[in-house]
Protein backbone atom coordinates (compact mmCIF):
# COMPACT_ATOMS: atom_id res chain seq x y z
CA MET A 1 -23.50 -36.86 45.60
CA SER A 2 -22.18 -37.68 42.37
CA LEU A 3 -20.25 -40.97 41.25
CA VAL A 4 -17.25 -38.72 40.36
CA LEU A 5 -17.17 -37.12 43.79
CA MET A 6 -17.53 -40.42 45.49
CA VAL A 7 -14.68 -41.87 43.48
CA ARG A 8 -12.46 -39.05 44.20
CA SER A 9 -13.11 -39.14 47.79
CA PHE A 10 -12.50 -42.97 48.05
CA LEU A 11 -9.18 -42.39 46.05
CA LEU A 12 -7.98 -39.69 48.02
CA ASP A 13 -8.80 -41.00 51.32
CA GLY A 14 -7.41 -44.28 50.46
CA VAL A 15 -4.14 -43.05 49.17
CA PHE A 16 -3.54 -40.86 52.37
CA GLY A 17 -4.76 -43.83 54.41
CA LEU A 18 -2.22 -46.30 53.02
CA VAL A 19 0.57 -43.48 53.39
CA PHE A 20 -0.32 -43.15 57.16
CA GLY A 21 -0.53 -46.80 57.54
CA TYR A 22 2.93 -47.17 55.96
CA LEU A 23 4.22 -44.68 58.14
CA TYR A 24 2.93 -46.31 61.08
CA TRP A 25 3.98 -49.73 60.14
CA ARG A 26 7.57 -48.74 59.27
CA LYS A 27 8.16 -45.79 61.59
CA GLY A 28 5.82 -45.65 64.39
CA ILE A 29 2.84 -43.91 65.58
CA GLU A 30 4.55 -40.71 66.21
CA TYR A 31 5.38 -40.37 62.67
CA ALA A 32 2.07 -41.12 61.32
CA MET A 33 0.42 -38.66 63.68
CA PHE A 34 2.97 -35.90 62.94
CA SER A 35 2.39 -36.40 59.16
CA HIS A 36 -1.62 -36.58 59.49
CA ARG A 37 -1.49 -33.51 61.69
CA THR A 38 0.87 -31.70 59.14
CA ALA A 39 -1.44 -32.75 56.35
CA HIS A 40 -4.42 -31.23 58.02
CA ILE A 41 -2.53 -28.02 58.70
CA SER A 42 -1.14 -27.54 55.33
CA MET A 43 -4.56 -28.17 54.00
CA GLN A 44 -6.33 -25.68 56.06
CA LEU A 45 -3.89 -22.90 55.36
CA LEU A 46 -4.10 -23.79 51.40
CA PHE A 47 -7.79 -24.14 51.21
CA ILE A 48 -9.17 -21.71 53.53
CA PRO A 49 -7.66 -18.54 51.71
CA LEU A 50 -8.63 -19.99 48.43
CA PHE A 51 -12.52 -20.46 49.31
CA TYR A 52 -13.08 -17.69 51.82
């Protein structure tokens, strides 16, 4: 695992964690869960066709 990959992972996870945490804090668990699920589905639909 390279340093660049580790920094990229921490930054991306941190940014999305802050976004979902903000949604939880301001709107509630339902909005945070829905946006988290939507992010996973959109990433799967985007990246599976690109790499397979």
